[in-house]
Amino acid sequence: MKLCAVSVDLDEVPCYHAIHGLPMPADDSAHAVYTRAVPRLGELFSAEGIPATFFVIGRDLGDGIARAAVQGLARAGHELGNHSQNHRYDLTRLGPDAMRAEVRDASDALASVVGQRPVGFRAPGYTITDALFDVLAAEGFAYDSSVFPCPAYYGAKTSAIGLIAARGRASRSIVDSPAVLLAPADPYLPSRPYWRRAPLGASIVELPIGVTRGARLPFIGTTLSLLGPALSRLLARQMVGRPLVNLELHGLDLLDVADGLRTLGAHQGDLRLPVSRKAAALRAVIEVLRDAGYSFVTLRDAAAAFAHQTRD
């Protein structure tokens, strides 16, 4: 089985201000992901014939532009996933009832907009715990796609939080347990603790965020943006051989400072790269994987395929 699933976390611009400890934007740039990035992503996926998965923050659906964009994505055949109600980076530090409300409220919001409850979840900041898995199981989710077993990412995130603190600002981002680095890099049934495989009986399939074979380098949109098309091709070739290539993007991956984001761009280096370069890197990666025989599917369809395989 050779499947590739492309997913997009629709974290709006204020989420990045929270990461960097910046004041919240008060102008139209606060909605740039839905007004600018989503149309660009939709055009790219349509041109490439790719059904994608978009993880939606429930609170954003209170805005008419976001609701219309999400309805358009559903009509185009894309999957809509749950990215929590308020994108709290400390979601896993909440009590069980508050954690459940964050998950359930986002599902309710999506169901009210597209008429269907999501079956997939991605945690803010990729941070998940056994307690959050229990919530997902109780809420009837088919899969989670939050585990990111990537040493380079873990080190960079930890360092970034420290640097922000050293500059007198407080990041709202948190780090996962380092034990996540021991998790499988291919689809698996999570046990307790969640970074171990369950022999049988788990109700949820885990679809880890993409890392390369060998060194487990991050295969995500930010990395591709920074590398550019030629080096992204090389990175994509290191993914060939994985049964599932789980390429995770953010809306920010098709935005740049020309979209009114100069303030954030001073702190978020990938925003200083032009959208054209980022889109070219994505197209280059898609070409490599397609030439290697990968079929592009939603995460929902990938989960169904691997649930059957892992339980046989």
Protein backbone atom coordinates (compact mmCIF):
# COMPACT_ATOMS: atom_id res chain seq x y z
CA MET A 1 0.00 0.00 0.00
CA LYS A 2 1.39 3.40 -1.04
CA LEU A 3 -0.84 6.25 0.05
CA CYS A 4 -0.22 9.96 0.48
CA ALA A 5 -2.53 12.20 2.49
CA VAL A 6 -2.13 15.98 2.39
CA SER A 7 -3.70 17.87 5.28
CA VAL A 8 -3.93 21.54 6.22
CA ASP A 9 -4.28 22.98 9.72
CA LEU A 10 -6.36 26.14 9.36
CA ASP A 11 -4.69 28.01 12.22
CA GLU A 12 -5.56 31.66 11.74
CA VAL A 13 -2.97 34.43 12.11
CA PRO A 14 -3.77 35.12 15.81
CA CYS A 15 -2.56 31.60 16.66
CA TYR A 16 0.92 32.60 15.50
CA HIS A 17 0.80 35.84 17.45
CA ALA A 18 0.06 33.68 20.50
CA ILE A 19 3.07 31.44 19.78
CA HIS A 20 5.39 34.45 19.59
CA GLY A 21 3.83 36.28 22.53
CA LEU A 22 2.71 39.17 20.32
CA PRO A 23 -0.39 41.39 20.68
CA MET A 24 -3.35 40.12 18.69
CA PRO A 25 -3.74 41.69 15.21
CA ALA A 26 -6.55 44.23 14.97
CA ASP A 27 -6.80 44.52 11.16
CA ASP A 28 -7.91 42.29 8.30
CA SER A 29 -4.64 40.33 8.44
CA ALA A 30 -6.21 38.38 11.31
CA HIS A 31 -8.32 36.52 8.71
CA ALA A 32 -5.66 36.02 6.02
CA VAL A 33 -5.74 32.21 6.22
CA TYR A 34 -9.40 32.05 5.20
CA THR A 35 -9.46 35.04 2.85
CA ARG A 36 -6.19 34.36 1.01
CA ALA A 37 -4.58 30.99 1.82
CA VAL A 38 -7.67 28.78 1.53
CA PRO A 39 -8.50 29.94 -2.03
CA ARG A 40 -4.87 29.38 -3.06
CA LEU A 41 -4.81 25.92 -1.52
CA GLY A 42 -8.12 25.06 -3.15
CA GLU A 43 -6.81 26.05 -6.56
CA LEU A 44 -3.58 24.09 -6.10
CA PHE A 45 -5.36 20.92 -4.97
CA SER A 46 -7.90 21.22 -7.77
CA ALA A 47 -5.15 21.57 -10.36
CA GLU A 48 -3.31 18.56 -8.94
CA GLY A 49 -6.44 16.44 -8.48
CA ILE A 50 -5.83 15.96 -4.75
CA PRO A 51 -8.53 15.38 -2.12
CA ALA A 52 -7.15 17.01 1.03
CA THR A 53 -8.09 17.09 4.71
CA PHE A 54 -8.58 20.48 6.39
CA PHE A 55 -8.49 20.67 10.19
CA VAL A 56 -10.83 23.42 11.35
CA ILE A 57 -10.90 25.40 14.62
CA GLY A 58 -14.49 25.52 15.77
CA ARG A 59 -14.54 29.14 16.96
CA ASP A 60 -13.55 30.38 13.49
CA LEU A 61 -16.87 29.14 12.12
CA GLY A 62 -18.60 32.03 13.88
CA ASP A 63 -17.31 34.18 11.00
CA GLY A 64 -19.26 34.17 7.74
CA ILE A 65 -16.16 34.13 5.54
CA ALA A 66 -14.81 31.05 7.32
CA ARG A 67 -18.17 29.27 7.14
CA ALA A 68 -18.47 29.91 3.41
CA ALA A 69 -14.88 28.75 2.82
CA VAL A 70 -15.41 25.51 4.77
CA GLN A 71 -18.66 24.80 2.92
CA GLY A 72 -16.80 25.33 -0.35
CA LEU A 73 -14.08 22.88 0.69
CA ALA A 74 -16.72 20.28 1.55
CA ARG A 75 -18.44 20.74 -1.83
CA ALA A 76 -15.08 20.25 -3.53
CA GLY A 77 -14.77 16.82 -1.91
CA HIS A 78 -12.24 17.64 0.79
CA GLU A 79 -12.47 16.19 4.29
CA LEU A 80 -13.06 18.46 7.29
CA GLY A 81 -11.37 17.48 10.55
CA ASN A 82 -11.55 18.67 14.15
CA HIS A 83 -8.76 20.96 15.37
CA SER A 84 -10.47 21.77 18.72
CA GLN A 85 -12.83 24.62 19.51
CA ASN A 86 -10.36 27.29 20.64
CA HIS A 87 -6.94 25.93 19.61
CA ARG A 88 -5.67 26.01 23.17
CA TYR A 89 -2.04 24.99 23.16
CA ASP A 90 -2.55 23.79 26.74
CA LEU A 91 -5.47 21.54 25.74
CA THR A 92 -3.85 18.47 27.30
CA ARG A 93 -3.47 20.30 30.63
CA LEU A 94 -7.21 20.87 31.00
CA GLY A 95 -9.46 18.68 33.10
CA PRO A 96 -11.44 15.88 31.42
CA ASP A 97 -14.69 17.86 31.15
CA ALA A 98 -13.00 20.96 29.68
CA MET A 99 -11.00 18.81 27.29
CA ARG A 100 -14.15 17.04 26.15
CA ALA A 101 -15.93 20.36 25.61
CA GLU A 102 -13.07 21.62 23.40
CA VAL A 103 -13.42 18.54 21.19
CA ARG A 104 -17.20 18.22 21.20
CA ASP A 105 -17.90 21.92 20.60
CA ALA A 106 -15.69 21.91 17.49
CA SER A 107 -17.49 18.83 16.16
CA ASP A 108 -20.84 20.50 16.81
CA ALA A 109 -19.70 23.63 14.99
CA LEU A 110 -18.55 21.67 11.95
CA ALA A 111 -21.73 19.60 11.87
CA SER A 112 -23.82 22.77 11.90
CA VAL A 113 -21.93 24.14 8.90
CA VAL A 114 -21.42 21.08 6.68
CA GLY A 115 -24.05 18.66 8.05
CA GLN A 116 -21.54 15.99 9.06
CA ARG A 117 -19.51 15.35 12.19
CA PRO A 118 -15.76 14.92 11.72
CA VAL A 119 -14.11 11.54 12.23
CA GLY A 120 -10.53 12.82 12.50
CA PHE A 121 -8.74 14.99 15.06
CA ARG A 122 -5.48 16.91 15.21
CA ALA A 123 -4.32 18.45 18.48
CA PRO A 124 -3.07 22.04 18.68
CA GLY A 125 0.72 22.02 18.58
CA TYR A 126 0.69 18.24 17.92
CA THR A 127 0.48 17.71 21.71
CA ILE A 128 -1.61 14.72 22.78
CA THR A 129 -1.93 12.48 25.84
CA ASP A 130 -3.64 9.26 26.88
CA ALA A 131 -6.40 11.35 28.50
CA LEU A 132 -7.08 13.14 25.21
CA PHE A 133 -7.13 9.80 23.38
CA ASP A 134 -9.79 8.68 25.88
CA VAL A 135 -11.89 11.73 24.95
CA LEU A 136 -11.51 10.98 21.24
CA ALA A 137 -12.56 7.37 21.76
CA ALA A 138 -15.62 8.42 23.77
CA GLU A 139 -16.58 10.92 21.06
CA GLY A 140 -16.40 8.24 18.36
CA PHE A 141 -13.41 9.44 16.32
CA ALA A 142 -11.95 7.01 13.80
CA TYR A 143 -8.44 8.45 13.80
CA ASP A 144 -6.04 10.94 15.29
CA SER A 145 -3.18 12.60 13.44
CA SER A 146 -1.19 14.46 16.09
CA VAL A 147 1.82 12.34 16.99
CA PHE A 148 4.97 13.93 15.56
CA PRO A 149 8.00 11.73 16.38
CA CYS A 150 10.57 14.20 15.08
CA PRO A 151 13.74 15.03 17.10
CA ALA A 152 14.57 18.08 14.96
CA TYR A 153 11.12 19.60 15.44
CA TYR A 154 11.08 18.85 19.17
CA GLY A 155 14.46 20.51 19.65
CA ALA A 156 13.54 23.54 17.55
CA LYS A 157 10.24 24.05 19.36
CA THR A 158 11.84 23.80 22.79
CA SER A 159 14.56 26.26 21.79
CA ALA A 160 12.05 28.70 20.28
CA ILE A 161 9.97 28.79 23.46
CA GLY A 162 13.14 29.48 25.45
CA LEU A 163 14.24 32.28 23.11
CA ILE A 164 10.84 33.95 23.27
CA ALA A 165 11.00 33.86 27.07
CA ALA A 166 14.54 35.30 27.00
CA ARG A 167 13.18 38.25 25.01
CA GLY A 168 10.62 38.99 27.72
CA ARG A 169 7.57 37.53 26.01
CA ALA A 170 5.48 34.52 26.98
CA SER A 171 4.67 31.92 24.31
CA ARG A 172 1.43 30.01 24.73
CA SER A 173 2.97 26.99 23.04
CA ILE A 174 3.94 23.98 25.14
CA VAL A 175 6.11 20.93 24.51
CA ASP A 176 4.98 17.33 24.49
CA SER A 177 6.65 14.58 26.47
CA PRO A 178 9.99 13.66 24.85
CA ALA A 179 8.71 10.08 24.88
CA VAL A 180 6.75 11.01 21.74
CA LEU A 181 10.05 10.63 19.88
CA LEU A 182 9.81 6.88 20.53
CA ALA A 183 6.46 6.58 18.74
CA PRO A 184 6.13 4.68 15.45
CA ALA A 185 6.46 6.80 12.34
CA ASP A 186 3.92 4.76 10.36
CA PRO A 187 0.20 4.21 11.11
CA TYR A 188 -0.45 2.23 14.29
CA LEU A 189 -3.03 1.43 16.94
CA PRO A 190 -2.02 3.37 20.08
CA SER A 191 -1.71 1.63 23.42
CA ARG A 192 -1.09 3.20 26.85
CA PRO A 193 1.12 5.16 26.86
CA TYR A 194 0.07 6.39 23.42
CA TRP A 195 3.55 6.21 21.88
CA ARG A 196 3.43 2.41 22.00
CA ARG A 197 1.58 0.10 19.67
CA ALA A 198 -1.49 -1.76 20.93
CA PRO A 199 -1.45 -5.46 20.05
CA LEU A 200 -5.23 -5.47 19.45
CA GLY A 201 -8.40 -3.74 20.47
CA ALA A 202 -7.62 -0.04 20.08
CA SER A 203 -10.55 1.88 18.60
CA ILE A 204 -8.59 4.76 17.05
CA VAL A 205 -5.91 4.66 14.37
CA GLU A 206 -2.95 7.01 14.80
CA LEU A 207 -1.62 8.55 11.58
CA PRO A 208 1.67 10.21 12.61
CA ILE A 209 2.83 13.47 11.05
CA GLY A 210 5.37 12.76 8.29
CA VAL A 211 9.04 12.21 9.08
CA THR A 212 11.67 10.86 6.72
CA ARG A 213 13.07 7.38 6.93
CA GLY A 214 16.32 7.17 8.88
CA ALA A 215 16.97 10.55 10.53
CA ARG A 216 13.25 11.33 10.98
CA LEU A 217 13.53 14.80 9.49
CA PRO A 218 10.28 16.81 9.46
CA PHE A 219 8.26 16.40 6.26
CA ILE A 220 5.86 19.30 6.77
CA GLY A 221 4.94 22.46 4.92
CA THR A 222 7.25 24.73 6.91
CA THR A 223 10.25 22.57 6.00
CA LEU A 224 9.32 22.54 2.31
CA SER A 225 8.88 26.33 2.31
CA LEU A 226 12.34 26.84 3.77
CA LEU A 227 14.03 24.30 1.47
CA GLY A 228 12.48 25.40 -1.82
CA PRO A 229 11.59 23.15 -4.78
CA ALA A 230 14.93 21.45 -5.50
CA LEU A 231 15.75 20.43 -1.92
CA SER A 232 12.11 19.54 -1.24
CA ARG A 233 12.35 16.99 -4.05
CA LEU A 234 15.30 15.38 -2.27
CA LEU A 235 13.39 15.32 1.01
CA ALA A 236 10.36 13.76 -0.68
CA ARG A 237 12.52 10.96 -2.04
CA GLN A 238 13.46 10.11 1.56
CA MET A 239 9.76 9.52 2.24
CA VAL A 240 9.40 6.98 -0.53
CA GLY A 241 8.98 3.57 1.05
CA ARG A 242 6.66 4.65 3.84
CA PRO A 243 3.21 3.03 3.47
CA LEU A 244 1.62 6.40 4.26
CA VAL A 245 3.19 9.76 3.48
CA ASN A 246 1.34 12.14 5.80
CA LEU A 247 2.19 15.62 4.54
CA GLU A 248 0.92 18.22 7.01
CA LEU A 249 0.60 21.86 5.97
CA HIS A 250 -0.68 25.05 7.54
CA GLY A 251 -2.62 27.84 5.89
CA LEU A 252 0.43 30.01 6.55
CA ASP A 253 2.33 27.88 4.02
CA LEU A 254 0.63 29.79 1.21
CA LEU A 255 0.91 33.27 2.73
CA ASP A 256 3.75 35.81 2.79
CA VAL A 257 4.41 39.30 4.12
CA ALA A 258 2.65 40.84 1.10
CA ASP A 259 -0.60 39.54 2.60
CA GLY A 260 -0.42 42.21 5.30
CA LEU A 261 1.72 40.10 7.62
CA ARG A 262 4.87 42.18 8.00
CA THR A 263 4.56 42.37 11.78
CA LEU A 264 4.32 38.60 12.11
CA GLY A 265 6.93 38.14 9.37
CA ALA A 266 9.53 39.79 11.61
CA HIS A 267 9.19 36.76 13.90
CA GLN A 268 8.07 34.03 11.48
CA GLY A 269 10.85 33.52 8.95
CA ASP A 270 8.90 31.44 6.42
CA LEU A 271 6.54 34.38 5.85
CA ARG A 272 9.44 36.27 4.31
CA LEU A 273 9.53 33.73 1.47
CA PRO A 274 7.24 34.37 -1.52
CA VAL A 275 4.08 32.32 -2.00
CA SER A 276 5.25 31.36 -5.50
CA ARG A 277 8.31 29.57 -4.08
CA LYS A 278 6.21 27.75 -1.49
CA ALA A 279 3.66 26.59 -4.06
CA ALA A 280 6.46 25.41 -6.35
CA ALA A 281 7.92 23.32 -3.52
CA LEU A 282 4.55 21.68 -2.89
CA ARG A 283 4.07 20.89 -6.57
CA ALA A 284 7.59 19.43 -6.75
CA VAL A 285 6.87 17.11 -3.80
CA ILE A 286 3.55 16.01 -5.27
CA GLU A 287 5.28 15.16 -8.54
CA VAL A 288 7.96 13.06 -6.81
CA LEU A 289 5.42 11.07 -4.80
CA ARG A 290 3.07 10.58 -7.73
CA ASP A 291 5.97 9.35 -9.90
CA ALA A 292 6.86 6.92 -7.08
CA GLY A 293 3.41 5.35 -7.32
CA TYR A 294 1.61 7.00 -4.41
CA SER A 295 -2.15 7.51 -4.55
CA PHE A 296 -3.51 10.68 -2.93
CA VAL A 297 -6.33 10.19 -0.43
CA THR A 298 -7.91 11.98 2.51
CA LEU A 299 -6.77 11.06 6.01
CA ARG A 300 -10.24 9.57 6.58
CA ASP A 301 -9.68 7.11 3.72
CA ALA A 302 -6.12 6.41 4.84
CA ALA A 303 -7.37 5.64 8.36
CA ALA A 304 -9.95 3.23 7.00
CA ALA A 305 -7.32 1.43 4.95
CA PHE A 306 -4.83 1.13 7.80
CA ALA A 307 -7.44 0.27 10.44
CA HIS A 308 -8.23 -2.82 8.42
CA GLN A 309 -4.55 -3.63 7.86
CA THR A 310 -3.40 -3.12 11.47
CA ARG A 311 -6.21 -5.25 12.87
CA ASP A 312 -5.70 -8.21 10.52
